[in-house]
Amino acid sequence: MIAAAKSPPAALTWHPFSKLFPMLPEDRLQELADDIRENGLRCPIIIDDQDRILDGRNRSAACEIAGVKPVLEPFHGTEQEALRL
């Protein structure tokens, strides 16, 4: 279950599940950052109750490059449910 969006903490860390998907190459990450700067972040970054990114590592990095405050949505569910994100 995903709850209402919240403000980003000072520093986000990665949940081990997020590492199942590789980071984009630098040129693709820059393209994503440019798109987020122009159009905003379309999909929020999903975090767990310890402020670790479950889904959205590349979006988080692109927001940082673009200078855009990321939109975060807390996830409240089991680890099995988190694997399905």
PDB file of N, CA and C in Angstrom:
ATOM      1  N   MET A   1       0.841  -1.171   0.000  1.00  0.00           N
ATOM      2  CA  MET A   1       0.000   0.000   0.000  1.00  0.00           C
ATOM      3  C   MET A   1       0.889   1.239   0.000  1.00  0.00           C
ATOM      4  N   ILE A   2       0.549   2.211  -0.809  1.00  0.00           N
ATOM      5  CA  ILE A   2       1.300   3.459  -0.911  1.00  0.00           C
ATOM      6  C   ILE A   2       0.474   4.561  -0.255  1.00  0.00           C
ATOM      7  N   ALA A   3       1.100   5.331   0.615  1.00  0.00           N
ATOM      8  CA  ALA A   3       0.421   6.399   1.345  1.00  0.00           C
ATOM      9  C   ALA A   3       0.643   7.738   0.649  1.00  0.00           C
ATOM     10  N   ALA A   4       0.220   8.806   1.302  1.00  0.00           N
ATOM     11  CA  ALA A   4       0.362  10.150   0.741  1.00  0.00           C
ATOM     12  C   ALA A   4       1.826  10.541   0.616  1.00  0.00           C
ATOM     13  N   ALA A   5       2.105  11.430  -0.332  1.00  0.00           N
ATOM     14  CA  ALA A   5       3.471  11.899  -0.569  1.00  0.00           C
ATOM     15  C   ALA A   5       3.992  12.642   0.652  1.00  0.00           C
ATOM     16  N   LYS A   6       5.311  12.625   0.830  1.00  0.00           N
ATOM     17  CA  LYS A   6       5.938  13.354   1.931  1.00  0.00           C
ATOM     18  C   LYS A   6       7.171  14.071   1.427  1.00  0.00           C
ATOM     19  N   SER A   7       7.694  14.962   2.253  1.00  0.00           N
ATOM     20  CA  SER A   7       8.899  15.711   1.887  1.00  0.00           C
ATOM     21  C   SER A   7      10.110  14.796   1.946  1.00  0.00           C
ATOM     22  N   PRO A   8      11.097  15.056   1.074  1.00  0.00           N
ATOM     23  CA  PRO A   8      12.287  14.199   1.093  1.00  0.00           C
ATOM     24  C   PRO A   8      13.122  14.423   2.339  1.00  0.00           C
ATOM     25  N   PRO A   9      13.696  13.336   2.894  1.00  0.00           N
ATOM     26  CA  PRO A   9      14.618  13.498   4.014  1.00  0.00           C
ATOM     27  C   PRO A   9      15.920  14.102   3.522  1.00  0.00           C
ATOM     28  N   ALA A  10      16.794  14.433   4.438  1.00  0.00           N
ATOM     29  CA  ALA A  10      18.068  15.062   4.070  1.00  0.00           C
ATOM     30  C   ALA A  10      18.851  14.198   3.091  1.00  0.00           C
ATOM     31  N   ALA A  11      18.888  12.895   3.321  1.00  0.00           N
ATOM     32  CA  ALA A  11      19.634  12.010   2.425  1.00  0.00           C
ATOM     33  C   ALA A  11      18.881  10.692   2.282  1.00  0.00           C
ATOM     34  N   LEU A  12      18.609  10.325   1.067  1.00  0.00           N
ATOM     35  CA  LEU A  12      17.963   9.050   0.799  1.00  0.00           C
ATOM     36  C   LEU A  12      19.027   7.974   0.613  1.00  0.00           C
ATOM     37  N   THR A  13      18.728   6.808   1.061  1.00  0.00           N
ATOM     38  CA  THR A  13      19.598   5.666   0.819  1.00  0.00           C
ATOM     39  C   THR A  13      18.812   4.656  -0.012  1.00  0.00           C
ATOM     40  N   TRP A  14      19.481   3.632  -0.469  1.00  0.00           N
ATOM     41  CA  TRP A  14      18.837   2.638  -1.321  1.00  0.00           C
ATOM     42  C   TRP A  14      18.513   1.384  -0.542  1.00  0.00           C
ATOM     43  N   HIS A  15      17.310   0.914  -0.715  1.00  0.00           N
ATOM     44  CA  HIS A  15      16.927  -0.383  -0.175  1.00  0.00           C
ATOM     45  C   HIS A  15      17.590  -1.430  -1.074  1.00  0.00           C
ATOM     46  N   PRO A  16      18.023  -2.558  -0.525  1.00  0.00           N
ATOM     47  CA  PRO A  16      18.648  -3.581  -1.373  1.00  0.00           C
ATOM     48  C   PRO A  16      17.786  -3.996  -2.571  1.00  0.00           C
ATOM     49  N   PHE A  17      16.469  -3.971  -2.439  1.00  0.00           N
ATOM     50  CA  PHE A  17      15.596  -4.345  -3.554  1.00  0.00           C
ATOM     51  C   PHE A  17      15.765  -3.411  -4.745  1.00  0.00           C
ATOM     52  N   SER A  18      16.064  -2.141  -4.476  1.00  0.00           N
ATOM     53  CA  SER A  18      16.185  -1.179  -5.574  1.00  0.00           C
ATOM     54  C   SER A  18      17.383  -1.495  -6.463  1.00  0.00           C
ATOM     55  N   LYS A  19      18.327  -2.232  -5.920  1.00  0.00           N
ATOM     56  CA  LYS A  19      19.532  -2.555  -6.680  1.00  0.00           C
ATOM     57  C   LYS A  19      19.312  -3.701  -7.668  1.00  0.00           C
ATOM     58  N   LEU A  20      18.086  -4.233  -7.696  1.00  0.00           N
ATOM     59  CA  LEU A  20      17.759  -5.270  -8.676  1.00  0.00           C
ATOM     60  C   LEU A  20      17.749  -4.697 -10.096  1.00  0.00           C
ATOM     61  N   PHE A  21      17.583  -3.390 -10.188  1.00  0.00           N
ATOM     62  CA  PHE A  21      17.565  -2.716 -11.490  1.00  0.00           C
ATOM     63  C   PHE A  21      18.798  -1.832 -11.602  1.00  0.00           C
ATOM     64  N   PRO A  22      19.522  -1.905 -12.714  1.00  0.00           N
ATOM     65  CA  PRO A  22      20.769  -1.141 -12.849  1.00  0.00           C
ATOM     66  C   PRO A  22      20.523   0.365 -13.014  1.00  0.00           C
ATOM     67  N   MET A  23      21.543   1.120 -12.687  1.00  0.00           N
ATOM     68  CA  MET A  23      21.498   2.559 -12.945  1.00  0.00           C
ATOM     69  C   MET A  23      21.645   2.787 -14.438  1.00  0.00           C
ATOM     70  N   LEU A  24      21.030   3.856 -14.915  1.00  0.00           N
ATOM     71  CA  LEU A  24      21.130   4.214 -16.327  1.00  0.00           C
ATOM     72  C   LEU A  24      22.540   4.689 -16.654  1.00  0.00           C
ATOM     73  N   PRO A  25      22.970   4.514 -17.906  1.00  0.00           N
ATOM     74  CA  PRO A  25      24.236   5.123 -18.323  1.00  0.00           C
ATOM     75  C   PRO A  25      24.129   6.647 -18.185  1.00  0.00           C
ATOM     76  N   GLU A  26      25.254   7.310 -18.058  1.00  0.00           N
ATOM     77  CA  GLU A  26      25.267   8.763 -17.829  1.00  0.00           C
ATOM     78  C   GLU A  26      24.457   9.551 -18.843  1.00  0.00           C
ATOM     79  N   ASP A  27      24.556   9.210 -20.131  1.00  0.00           N
ATOM     80  CA  ASP A  27      23.822   9.973 -21.143  1.00  0.00           C
ATOM     81  C   ASP A  27      22.316   9.808 -20.994  1.00  0.00           C
ATOM     82  N   ARG A  28      21.855   8.608 -20.656  1.00  0.00           N
ATOM     83  CA  ARG A  28      20.414   8.366 -20.462  1.00  0.00           C
ATOM     84  C   ARG A  28      19.927   9.030 -19.183  1.00  0.00           C
ATOM     85  N   LEU A  29      20.771   9.031 -18.154  1.00  0.00           N
ATOM     86  CA  LEU A  29      20.415   9.693 -16.904  1.00  0.00           C
ATOM     87  C   LEU A  29      20.279  11.198 -17.132  1.00  0.00           C
ATOM     88  N   GLN A  30      21.161  11.768 -17.953  1.00  0.00           N
ATOM     89  CA  GLN A  30      21.071  13.191 -18.277  1.00  0.00           C
ATOM     90  C   GLN A  30      19.794  13.485 -19.066  1.00  0.00           C
ATOM     91  N   GLU A  31      19.427  12.589 -19.977  1.00  0.00           N
ATOM     92  CA  GLU A  31      18.169  12.754 -20.732  1.00  0.00           C
ATOM     93  C   GLU A  31      16.973  12.742 -19.780  1.00  0.00           C
ATOM     94  N   LEU A  32      16.991  11.818 -18.816  1.00  0.00           N
ATOM     95  CA  LEU A  32      15.911  11.758 -17.836  1.00  0.00           C
ATOM     96  C   LEU A  32      15.882  13.032 -16.996  1.00  0.00           C
ATOM     97  N   ALA A  33      17.047  13.520 -16.589  1.00  0.00           N
ATOM     98  CA  ALA A  33      17.120  14.766 -15.814  1.00  0.00           C
ATOM     99  C   ALA A  33      16.570  15.942 -16.614  1.00  0.00           C
ATOM    100  N   ASP A  34      16.916  16.019 -17.885  1.00  0.00           N
ATOM    101  CA  ASP A  34      16.408  17.096 -18.739  1.00  0.00           C
ATOM    102  C   ASP A  34      14.891  17.024 -18.849  1.00  0.00           C
ATOM    103  N   ASP A  35      14.357  15.809 -18.996  1.00  0.00           N
ATOM    104  CA  ASP A  35      12.904  15.633 -19.108  1.00  0.00           C
ATOM    105  C   ASP A  35      12.211  16.018 -17.803  1.00  0.00           C
ATOM    106  N   ILE A  36      12.782  15.615 -16.680  1.00  0.00           N
ATOM    107  CA  ILE A  36      12.184  15.971 -15.387  1.00  0.00           C
ATOM    108  C   ILE A  36      12.233  17.484 -15.174  1.00  0.00           C
ATOM    109  N   ARG A  37      13.322  18.120 -15.571  1.00  0.00           N
ATOM    110  CA  ARG A  37      13.432  19.577 -15.445  1.00  0.00           C
ATOM    111  C   ARG A  37      12.355  20.275 -16.272  1.00  0.00           C
ATOM    112  N   GLU A  38      12.093  19.768 -17.472  1.00  0.00           N
ATOM    113  CA  GLU A  38      11.121  20.390 -18.384  1.00  0.00           C
ATOM    114  C   GLU A  38       9.679  20.023 -18.055  1.00  0.00           C
ATOM    115  N   ASN A  39       9.441  18.781 -17.648  1.00  0.00           N
ATOM    116  CA  ASN A  39       8.071  18.284 -17.503  1.00  0.00           C
ATOM    117  C   ASN A  39       7.681  17.881 -16.081  1.00  0.00           C
ATOM    118  N   GLY A  40       8.630  17.922 -15.177  1.00  0.00           N
ATOM    119  CA  GLY A  40       8.359  17.491 -13.808  1.00  0.00           C
ATOM    120  C   GLY A  40       8.505  15.985 -13.650  1.00  0.00           C
ATOM    121  N   LEU A  41       8.519  15.554 -12.415  1.00  0.00           N
ATOM    122  CA  LEU A  41       8.628  14.138 -12.088  1.00  0.00           C
ATOM    123  C   LEU A  41       7.246  13.518 -12.210  1.00  0.00           C
ATOM    124  N   ARG A  42       7.077  12.581 -13.127  1.00  0.00           N
ATOM    125  CA  ARG A  42       5.759  11.983 -13.395  1.00  0.00           C
ATOM    126  C   ARG A  42       5.423  10.843 -12.455  1.00  0.00           C
ATOM    127  N   CYS A  43       6.418  10.062 -12.067  1.00  0.00           N
ATOM    128  CA  CYS A  43       6.217   8.929 -11.152  1.00  0.00           C
ATOM    129  C   CYS A  43       6.988   9.206  -9.874  1.00  0.00           C
ATOM    130  N   PRO A  44       6.317   9.192  -8.735  1.00  0.00           N
ATOM    131  CA  PRO A  44       7.022   9.467  -7.483  1.00  0.00           C
ATOM    132  C   PRO A  44       8.035   8.380  -7.153  1.00  0.00           C
ATOM    133  N   ILE A  45       8.915   8.708  -6.263  1.00  0.00           N
ATOM    134  CA  ILE A  45       9.932   7.781  -5.769  1.00  0.00           C
ATOM    135  C   ILE A  45       9.336   7.105  -4.539  1.00  0.00           C
ATOM    136  N   ILE A  46       9.331   5.777  -4.548  1.00  0.00           N
ATOM    137  CA  ILE A  46       8.721   5.013  -3.467  1.00  0.00           C
ATOM    138  C   ILE A  46       9.786   4.692  -2.423  1.00  0.00           C
ATOM    139  N   ILE A  47       9.482   5.055  -1.166  1.00  0.00           N
ATOM    140  CA  ILE A  47      10.433   4.826  -0.074  1.00  0.00           C
ATOM    141  C   ILE A  47       9.786   3.971   1.014  1.00  0.00           C
ATOM    142  N   ASP A  48      10.636   3.286   1.788  1.00  0.00           N
ATOM    143  CA  ASP A  48      10.124   2.502   2.910  1.00  0.00           C
ATOM    144  C   ASP A  48      10.104   3.351   4.173  1.00  0.00           C
ATOM    145  N   ASP A  49       9.765   2.724   5.299  1.00  0.00           N
ATOM    146  CA  ASP A  49       9.651   3.475   6.550  1.00  0.00           C
ATOM    147  C   ASP A  49      10.990   3.895   7.142  1.00  0.00           C
ATOM    148  N   GLN A  50      12.088   3.483   6.498  1.00  0.00           N
ATOM    149  CA  GLN A  50      13.429   3.915   6.917  1.00  0.00           C
ATOM    150  C   GLN A  50      14.022   4.906   5.920  1.00  0.00           C
ATOM    151  N   ASP A  51      13.172   5.499   5.080  1.00  0.00           N
ATOM    152  CA  ASP A  51      13.572   6.471   4.049  1.00  0.00           C
ATOM    153  C   ASP A  51      14.591   5.902   3.070  1.00  0.00           C
ATOM    154  N   ARG A  52      14.434   4.627   2.744  1.00  0.00           N
ATOM    155  CA  ARG A  52      15.270   3.985   1.726  1.00  0.00           C
ATOM    156  C   ARG A  52      14.457   3.849   0.456  1.00  0.00           C
ATOM    157  N   ILE A  53      15.077   4.125  -0.681  1.00  0.00           N
ATOM    158  CA  ILE A  53      14.386   4.041  -1.964  1.00  0.00           C
ATOM    159  C   ILE A  53      14.123   2.579  -2.316  1.00  0.00           C
ATOM    160  N   LEU A  54      12.845   2.260  -2.502  1.00  0.00           N
ATOM    161  CA  LEU A  54      12.444   0.944  -2.989  1.00  0.00           C
ATOM    162  C   LEU A  54      12.362   0.948  -4.508  1.00  0.00           C
ATOM    163  N   ASP A  55      11.824   2.028  -5.050  1.00  0.00           N
ATOM    164  CA  ASP A  55      11.642   2.156  -6.491  1.00  0.00           C
ATOM    165  C   ASP A  55      11.897   3.606  -6.889  1.00  0.00           C
ATOM    166  N   GLY A  56      12.834   3.816  -7.825  1.00  0.00           N
ATOM    167  CA  GLY A  56      13.075   5.171  -8.296  1.00  0.00           C
ATOM    168  C   GLY A  56      14.496   5.662  -8.126  1.00  0.00           C
ATOM    169  N   ARG A  57      15.458   4.737  -8.065  1.00  0.00           N
ATOM    170  CA  ARG A  57      16.865   5.169  -7.940  1.00  0.00           C
ATOM    171  C   ARG A  57      17.272   6.103  -9.060  1.00  0.00           C
ATOM    172  N   ASN A  58      16.936   5.758 -10.291  1.00  0.00           N
ATOM    173  CA  ASN A  58      17.311   6.606 -11.431  1.00  0.00           C
ATOM    174  C   ASN A  58      16.555   7.933 -11.398  1.00  0.00           C
ATOM    175  N   ARG A  59      15.282   7.882 -11.040  1.00  0.00           N
ATOM    176  CA  ARG A  59      14.515   9.136 -10.947  1.00  0.00           C
ATOM    177  C   ARG A  59      15.086  10.043  -9.867  1.00  0.00           C
ATOM    178  N   SER A  60      15.507   9.453  -8.741  1.00  0.00           N
ATOM    179  CA  SER A  60      16.108  10.243  -7.665  1.00  0.00           C
ATOM    180  C   SER A  60      17.403  10.903  -8.133  1.00  0.00           C
ATOM    181  N   ALA A  61      18.255  10.133  -8.794  1.00  0.00           N
ATOM    182  CA  ALA A  61      19.520  10.684  -9.300  1.00  0.00           C
ATOM    183  C   ALA A  61      19.256  11.775 -10.341  1.00  0.00           C
ATOM    184  N   ALA A  62      18.266  11.556 -11.209  1.00  0.00           N
ATOM    185  CA  ALA A  62      17.941  12.543 -12.234  1.00  0.00           C
ATOM    186  C   ALA A  62      17.390  13.822 -11.606  1.00  0.00           C
ATOM    187  N   CYS A  63      16.593  13.697 -10.556  1.00  0.00           N
ATOM    188  CA  CYS A  63      16.088  14.890  -9.863  1.00  0.00           C
ATOM    189  C   CYS A  63      17.242  15.698  -9.286  1.00  0.00           C
ATOM    190  N   GLU A  64      18.214  15.001  -8.723  1.00  0.00           N
ATOM    191  CA  GLU A  64      19.379  15.692  -8.161  1.00  0.00           C
ATOM    192  C   GLU A  64      20.133  16.443  -9.256  1.00  0.00           C
ATOM    193  N   ILE A  65      20.349  15.795 -10.395  1.00  0.00           N
ATOM    194  CA  ILE A  65      21.038  16.435 -11.519  1.00  0.00           C
ATOM    195  C   ILE A  65      20.244  17.645 -12.009  1.00  0.00           C
ATOM    196  N   ALA A  66      18.915  17.479 -12.081  1.00  0.00           N
ATOM    197  CA  ALA A  66      18.047  18.536 -12.609  1.00  0.00           C
ATOM    198  C   ALA A  66      17.788  19.658 -11.605  1.00  0.00           C
ATOM    199  N   GLY A  67      18.134  19.430 -10.350  1.00  0.00           N
ATOM    200  CA  GLY A  67      17.849  20.430  -9.324  1.00  0.00           C
ATOM    201  C   GLY A  67      16.376  20.505  -8.990  1.00  0.00           C
ATOM    202  N   VAL A  68      15.680  19.372  -9.110  1.00  0.00           N
ATOM    203  CA  VAL A  68      14.244  19.303  -8.847  1.00  0.00           C
ATOM    204  C   VAL A  68      14.019  18.519  -7.558  1.00  0.00           C
ATOM    205  N   LYS A  69      13.166  19.048  -6.690  1.00  0.00           N
ATOM    206  CA  LYS A  69      12.833  18.359  -5.439  1.00  0.00           C
ATOM    207  C   LYS A  69      12.010  17.115  -5.788  1.00  0.00           C
ATOM    208  N   PRO A  70      12.463  15.931  -5.390  1.00  0.00           N
ATOM    209  CA  PRO A  70      11.723  14.721  -5.743  1.00  0.00           C
ATOM    210  C   PRO A  70      10.425  14.583  -4.952  1.00  0.00           C
ATOM    211  N   VAL A  71       9.463  13.943  -5.572  1.00  0.00           N
ATOM    212  CA  VAL A  71       8.204  13.617  -4.904  1.00  0.00           C
ATOM    213  C   VAL A  71       8.359  12.199  -4.371  1.00  0.00           C
ATOM    214  N   LEU A  72       8.109  12.038  -3.075  1.00  0.00           N
ATOM    215  CA  LEU A  72       8.259  10.743  -2.434  1.00  0.00           C
ATOM    216  C   LEU A  72       6.909  10.224  -1.977  1.00  0.00           C
ATOM    217  N   GLU A  73       6.722   8.911  -2.107  1.00  0.00           N
ATOM    218  CA  GLU A  73       5.533   8.260  -1.569  1.00  0.00           C
ATOM    219  C   GLU A  73       5.987   7.130  -0.661  1.00  0.00           C
ATOM    220  N   PRO A  74       5.562   7.173   0.596  1.00  0.00           N
ATOM    221  CA  PRO A  74       5.917   6.084   1.509  1.00  0.00           C
ATOM    222  C   PRO A  74       5.178   4.801   1.135  1.00  0.00           C
ATOM    223  N   PHE A  75       5.851   3.695   1.285  1.00  0.00           N
ATOM    224  CA  PHE A  75       5.271   2.373   1.048  1.00  0.00           C
ATOM    225  C   PHE A  75       5.082   1.703   2.396  1.00  0.00           C
ATOM    226  N   HIS A  76       3.890   1.209   2.643  1.00  0.00           N
ATOM    227  CA  HIS A  76       3.592   0.500   3.885  1.00  0.00           C
ATOM    228  C   HIS A  76       3.066  -0.876   3.504  1.00  0.00           C
ATOM    229  N   GLY A  77       3.953  -1.823   3.494  1.00  0.00           N
ATOM    230  CA  GLY A  77       3.572  -3.176   3.126  1.00  0.00           C
ATOM    231  C   GLY A  77       4.663  -4.139   3.509  1.00  0.00           C
ATOM    232  N   THR A  78       4.483  -5.372   3.123  1.00  0.00           N
ATOM    233  CA  THR A  78       5.463  -6.403   3.440  1.00  0.00           C
ATOM    234  C   THR A  78       6.602  -6.389   2.429  1.00  0.00           C
ATOM    235  N   GLU A  79       7.669  -7.087   2.759  1.00  0.00           N
ATOM    236  CA  GLU A  79       8.786  -7.193   1.813  1.00  0.00           C
ATOM    237  C   GLU A  79       8.348  -7.924   0.543  1.00  0.00           C
ATOM    238  N   GLN A  80       7.474  -8.901   0.671  1.00  0.00           N
ATOM    239  CA  GLN A  80       6.956  -9.606  -0.499  1.00  0.00           C
ATOM    240  C   GLN A  80       6.204  -8.644  -1.411  1.00  0.00           C
ATOM    241  N   GLU A  81       5.422  -7.754  -0.832  1.00  0.00           N
ATOM    242  CA  GLU A  81       4.694  -6.766  -1.629  1.00  0.00           C
ATOM    243  C   GLU A  81       5.666  -5.773  -2.257  1.00  0.00           C
ATOM    244  N   ALA A  82       6.731  -5.429  -1.549  1.00  0.00           N
ATOM    245  CA  ALA A  82       7.727  -4.496  -2.080  1.00  0.00           C
ATOM    246  C   ALA A  82       8.430  -5.065  -3.296  1.00  0.00           C
ATOM    247  N   LEU A  83       8.620  -6.369  -3.323  1.00  0.00           N
ATOM    248  CA  LEU A  83       9.269  -6.996  -4.491  1.00  0.00           C
ATOM    249  C   LEU A  83       8.439  -6.851  -5.757  1.00  0.00           C
ATOM    250  N   ARG A  84       7.147  -6.606  -5.620  1.00  0.00           N
ATOM    251  CA  ARG A  84       6.260  -6.485  -6.781  1.00  0.00           C
ATOM    252  C   ARG A  84       6.176  -5.059  -7.323  1.00  0.00           C
ATOM    253  N   LEU A  85       6.863  -4.128  -6.702  1.00  0.00           N
ATOM    254  CA  LEU A  85       6.802  -2.728  -7.174  1.00  0.00           C
ATOM    255  C   LEU A  85       7.381  -2.592  -8.560  1.00  0.00           C
TER     256      LEU A  85
END
